[in-house]
Amino acid sequence: MKLPIHGDGWQYAWQVAESDRENVRMTLDRRDGKPYAYRATQTCPTLVIALEIENTGREAMPFGLGVHPFFVRDADTDYYVLYTPPG
């Protein structure tokens, strides 16, 4: 079985394990996943994302990283636009 080029983690609901005013830690448990079994954790503190992948299956699992998160924004969402001039 071949995975989509972007893997399959984006197709499932991640669970919020912890959150506070500045951080959120989300988990995805795919221990019963096909063709690869894995568990993933994303920690997103202020503008920094840490992603951990643990292969929980018996087969070697190819892995690549491409982070471009999407967060829902509505009328009550606070946000900031950050800009650092070049140079």
N, C-alpha and C. Protein backbone atom coordinates (compact mmCIF):
# COMPACT_ATOMS: atom_id res chain seq x y z
N MET A 1 0.85 -1.18 0.00
CA MET A 1 0.00 0.00 0.00
C MET A 1 0.89 1.24 0.00
N LYS A 2 0.52 2.20 -0.79
CA LYS A 2 1.31 3.42 -0.91
C LYS A 2 0.59 4.57 -0.20
N LEU A 3 1.33 5.33 0.58
CA LEU A 3 0.76 6.50 1.25
C LEU A 3 0.71 7.68 0.30
N PRO A 4 -0.22 8.61 0.53
CA PRO A 4 -0.20 9.85 -0.24
C PRO A 4 1.12 10.57 -0.01
N ILE A 5 1.52 11.42 -0.94
CA ILE A 5 2.80 12.12 -0.84
C ILE A 5 2.93 12.91 0.46
N HIS A 6 1.82 13.38 1.03
CA HIS A 6 1.86 14.13 2.28
C HIS A 6 1.55 13.26 3.48
N GLY A 7 1.68 11.95 3.36
CA GLY A 7 1.39 11.06 4.47
C GLY A 7 -0.10 11.01 4.75
N ASP A 8 -0.47 10.54 5.95
CA ASP A 8 -1.89 10.44 6.27
C ASP A 8 -2.27 11.14 7.57
N GLY A 9 -1.31 11.67 8.31
CA GLY A 9 -1.60 12.31 9.59
C GLY A 9 -2.55 13.48 9.50
N TRP A 10 -2.52 14.18 8.41
CA TRP A 10 -3.38 15.35 8.23
C TRP A 10 -4.84 14.96 8.02
N GLN A 11 -5.10 13.69 7.73
CA GLN A 11 -6.45 13.23 7.45
C GLN A 11 -7.23 12.84 8.71
N TYR A 12 -6.59 12.88 9.87
CA TYR A 12 -7.21 12.42 11.11
C TYR A 12 -7.26 13.53 12.14
N ALA A 13 -8.20 13.40 13.06
CA ALA A 13 -8.33 14.39 14.13
C ALA A 13 -7.25 14.15 15.18
N TRP A 14 -6.48 15.19 15.46
CA TRP A 14 -5.49 15.15 16.52
C TRP A 14 -6.19 15.51 17.83
N GLN A 15 -5.72 14.95 18.92
CA GLN A 15 -6.29 15.22 20.23
C GLN A 15 -5.43 16.25 20.97
N VAL A 16 -6.06 17.20 21.62
CA VAL A 16 -5.32 18.17 22.43
C VAL A 16 -4.99 17.50 23.76
N ALA A 17 -3.70 17.29 24.01
CA ALA A 17 -3.25 16.64 25.24
C ALA A 17 -3.07 17.67 26.36
N GLU A 18 -2.56 18.84 26.01
CA GLU A 18 -2.35 19.93 26.97
C GLU A 18 -2.45 21.25 26.23
N SER A 19 -2.89 22.27 26.94
CA SER A 19 -2.86 23.60 26.36
C SER A 19 -2.87 24.64 27.47
N ASP A 20 -2.26 25.77 27.18
CA ASP A 20 -2.32 26.92 28.07
C ASP A 20 -2.34 28.15 27.18
N ARG A 21 -2.14 29.29 27.75
CA ARG A 21 -2.26 30.54 26.99
C ARG A 21 -1.27 30.66 25.84
N GLU A 22 -0.11 30.01 25.97
CA GLU A 22 0.94 30.17 24.95
C GLU A 22 1.32 28.88 24.22
N ASN A 23 0.80 27.75 24.63
CA ASN A 23 1.24 26.48 24.07
C ASN A 23 0.08 25.52 23.86
N VAL A 24 0.28 24.61 22.94
CA VAL A 24 -0.65 23.49 22.77
C VAL A 24 0.16 22.26 22.39
N ARG A 25 -0.18 21.12 22.99
CA ARG A 25 0.45 19.84 22.63
C ARG A 25 -0.66 18.94 22.13
N MET A 26 -0.51 18.46 20.89
CA MET A 26 -1.51 17.62 20.25
C MET A 26 -0.91 16.25 19.94
N THR A 27 -1.75 15.21 20.02
CA THR A 27 -1.27 13.86 19.74
C THR A 27 -2.17 13.19 18.70
N LEU A 28 -1.56 12.28 17.96
CA LEU A 28 -2.28 11.45 17.00
C LEU A 28 -1.81 10.02 17.21
N ASP A 29 -2.72 9.13 17.57
CA ASP A 29 -2.38 7.73 17.82
C ASP A 29 -2.86 6.87 16.65
N ARG A 30 -1.91 6.38 15.88
CA ARG A 30 -2.22 5.54 14.72
C ARG A 30 -1.58 4.16 14.91
N ARG A 31 -1.62 3.65 16.17
CA ARG A 31 -1.03 2.33 16.45
C ARG A 31 -1.62 1.23 15.58
N ASP A 32 -2.87 1.41 15.17
CA ASP A 32 -3.52 0.42 14.32
C ASP A 32 -3.55 0.86 12.86
N GLY A 33 -2.70 1.84 12.53
CA GLY A 33 -2.68 2.39 11.17
C GLY A 33 -2.14 1.41 10.15
N LYS A 34 -2.55 1.58 8.92
CA LYS A 34 -2.09 0.78 7.80
C LYS A 34 -1.56 1.72 6.72
N PRO A 35 -0.46 1.51 6.10
CA PRO A 35 0.42 0.36 6.28
C PRO A 35 1.41 0.53 7.43
N TYR A 36 1.44 1.72 8.10
CA TYR A 36 2.40 1.95 9.17
C TYR A 36 1.67 2.30 10.45
N ALA A 37 2.17 1.76 11.55
CA ALA A 37 1.64 2.08 12.87
C ALA A 37 2.57 3.10 13.51
N TYR A 38 2.01 4.20 14.04
CA TYR A 38 2.84 5.23 14.65
C TYR A 38 2.03 6.07 15.61
N ARG A 39 2.74 6.82 16.41
CA ARG A 39 2.15 7.81 17.31
C ARG A 39 2.91 9.12 17.07
N ALA A 40 2.19 10.22 16.96
CA ALA A 40 2.83 11.51 16.69
C ALA A 40 2.39 12.53 17.74
N THR A 41 3.30 13.42 18.09
CA THR A 41 3.02 14.50 19.03
C THR A 41 3.54 15.79 18.44
N GLN A 42 2.70 16.82 18.42
CA GLN A 42 3.11 18.16 18.00
C GLN A 42 3.01 19.09 19.19
N THR A 43 4.07 19.81 19.46
CA THR A 43 4.05 20.83 20.49
C THR A 43 4.25 22.17 19.80
N CYS A 44 3.32 23.07 20.02
CA CYS A 44 3.36 24.36 19.34
C CYS A 44 3.41 25.50 20.35
N PRO A 45 4.61 25.82 20.85
CA PRO A 45 4.72 27.03 21.66
C PRO A 45 4.92 28.22 20.72
N THR A 46 4.65 29.36 21.19
CA THR A 46 4.70 30.61 20.43
C THR A 46 5.59 30.56 19.20
N LEU A 47 5.00 30.35 18.04
CA LEU A 47 5.66 30.38 16.73
C LEU A 47 6.76 29.34 16.54
N VAL A 48 6.80 28.32 17.37
CA VAL A 48 7.77 27.24 17.21
C VAL A 48 6.98 25.93 17.24
N ILE A 49 7.28 25.03 16.33
CA ILE A 49 6.59 23.74 16.30
C ILE A 49 7.62 22.63 16.43
N ALA A 50 7.39 21.73 17.38
CA ALA A 50 8.24 20.55 17.55
C ALA A 50 7.39 19.33 17.22
N LEU A 51 7.87 18.46 16.36
CA LEU A 51 7.12 17.28 15.95
C LEU A 51 7.95 16.04 16.26
N GLU A 52 7.36 15.08 16.98
CA GLU A 52 8.03 13.83 17.29
C GLU A 52 7.25 12.69 16.64
N ILE A 53 7.96 11.78 15.99
CA ILE A 53 7.34 10.62 15.39
C ILE A 53 8.01 9.37 15.97
N GLU A 54 7.19 8.43 16.43
CA GLU A 54 7.69 7.15 16.95
C GLU A 54 7.11 6.04 16.10
N ASN A 55 7.95 5.28 15.41
CA ASN A 55 7.49 4.15 14.62
C ASN A 55 7.14 3.03 15.60
N THR A 56 5.88 2.67 15.71
CA THR A 56 5.44 1.63 16.64
C THR A 56 5.21 0.30 15.93
N GLY A 57 5.51 0.25 14.64
CA GLY A 57 5.34 -0.99 13.88
C GLY A 57 6.65 -1.74 13.74
N ARG A 58 6.60 -2.85 13.03
CA ARG A 58 7.79 -3.69 12.83
C ARG A 58 8.56 -3.31 11.57
N GLU A 59 7.90 -2.67 10.61
CA GLU A 59 8.53 -2.30 9.35
C GLU A 59 9.20 -0.94 9.45
N ALA A 60 10.28 -0.74 8.68
CA ALA A 60 10.88 0.58 8.58
C ALA A 60 9.84 1.51 7.96
N MET A 61 9.74 2.71 8.47
CA MET A 61 8.71 3.64 8.02
C MET A 61 9.37 4.87 7.43
N PRO A 62 9.10 5.15 6.15
CA PRO A 62 9.65 6.38 5.58
C PRO A 62 8.97 7.58 6.23
N PHE A 63 9.69 8.66 6.39
CA PHE A 63 9.13 9.84 7.05
C PHE A 63 9.76 11.09 6.49
N GLY A 64 8.95 12.09 6.29
CA GLY A 64 9.42 13.40 5.87
C GLY A 64 8.66 14.44 6.65
N LEU A 65 9.16 15.64 6.71
CA LEU A 65 8.54 16.69 7.50
C LEU A 65 8.18 17.86 6.61
N GLY A 66 6.95 18.29 6.71
CA GLY A 66 6.47 19.48 6.01
C GLY A 66 5.41 20.12 6.89
N VAL A 67 5.76 21.14 7.60
CA VAL A 67 4.84 21.73 8.57
C VAL A 67 4.22 23.00 8.01
N HIS A 68 2.94 22.98 7.86
CA HIS A 68 2.18 24.16 7.47
C HIS A 68 0.81 24.03 8.13
N PRO A 69 0.77 24.32 9.45
CA PRO A 69 -0.47 24.11 10.21
C PRO A 69 -1.59 25.04 9.78
N PHE A 70 -2.79 24.62 10.07
CA PHE A 70 -3.99 25.40 9.80
C PHE A 70 -4.77 25.51 11.09
N PHE A 71 -5.06 26.70 11.52
CA PHE A 71 -5.85 26.93 12.71
C PHE A 71 -7.11 27.69 12.30
N VAL A 72 -8.24 27.25 12.80
CA VAL A 72 -9.50 27.91 12.48
C VAL A 72 -9.51 29.31 13.07
N ARG A 73 -9.96 30.27 12.28
CA ARG A 73 -10.07 31.65 12.74
C ARG A 73 -11.51 32.08 12.59
N ASP A 74 -12.06 32.64 13.66
CA ASP A 74 -13.42 33.19 13.59
C ASP A 74 -13.40 34.60 14.17
N ALA A 75 -14.57 35.21 14.37
CA ALA A 75 -14.64 36.60 14.84
C ALA A 75 -14.02 36.80 16.22
N ASP A 76 -13.94 35.75 17.03
CA ASP A 76 -13.40 35.86 18.39
C ASP A 76 -11.91 35.53 18.47
N THR A 77 -11.27 35.21 17.36
CA THR A 77 -9.87 34.82 17.36
C THR A 77 -8.96 36.03 17.46
N ASP A 78 -8.04 36.00 18.44
CA ASP A 78 -7.00 37.02 18.53
C ASP A 78 -5.82 36.54 17.70
N TYR A 79 -5.21 37.43 16.94
CA TYR A 79 -4.04 37.05 16.16
C TYR A 79 -3.14 38.26 15.97
N TYR A 80 -1.91 37.97 15.64
CA TYR A 80 -0.93 39.01 15.40
C TYR A 80 -0.25 38.73 14.08
N VAL A 81 0.07 39.76 13.34
CA VAL A 81 0.88 39.61 12.13
C VAL A 81 2.29 40.01 12.50
N LEU A 82 3.22 39.09 12.33
CA LEU A 82 4.62 39.39 12.66
C LEU A 82 5.40 39.57 11.37
N TYR A 83 6.24 40.56 11.37
CA TYR A 83 7.04 40.84 10.20
C TYR A 83 8.44 41.22 10.66
N THR A 84 9.42 40.54 10.08
CA THR A 84 10.81 40.89 10.34
C THR A 84 11.40 41.38 9.03
N PRO A 85 11.79 42.66 8.98
CA PRO A 85 12.35 43.17 7.73
C PRO A 85 13.62 42.42 7.35
N PRO A 86 13.87 42.23 6.06
CA PRO A 86 15.09 41.54 5.63
C PRO A 86 16.34 42.34 6.03
N GLY A 87 17.42 41.59 6.21
CA GLY A 87 18.70 42.26 6.45
C GLY A 87 19.09 42.18 7.83
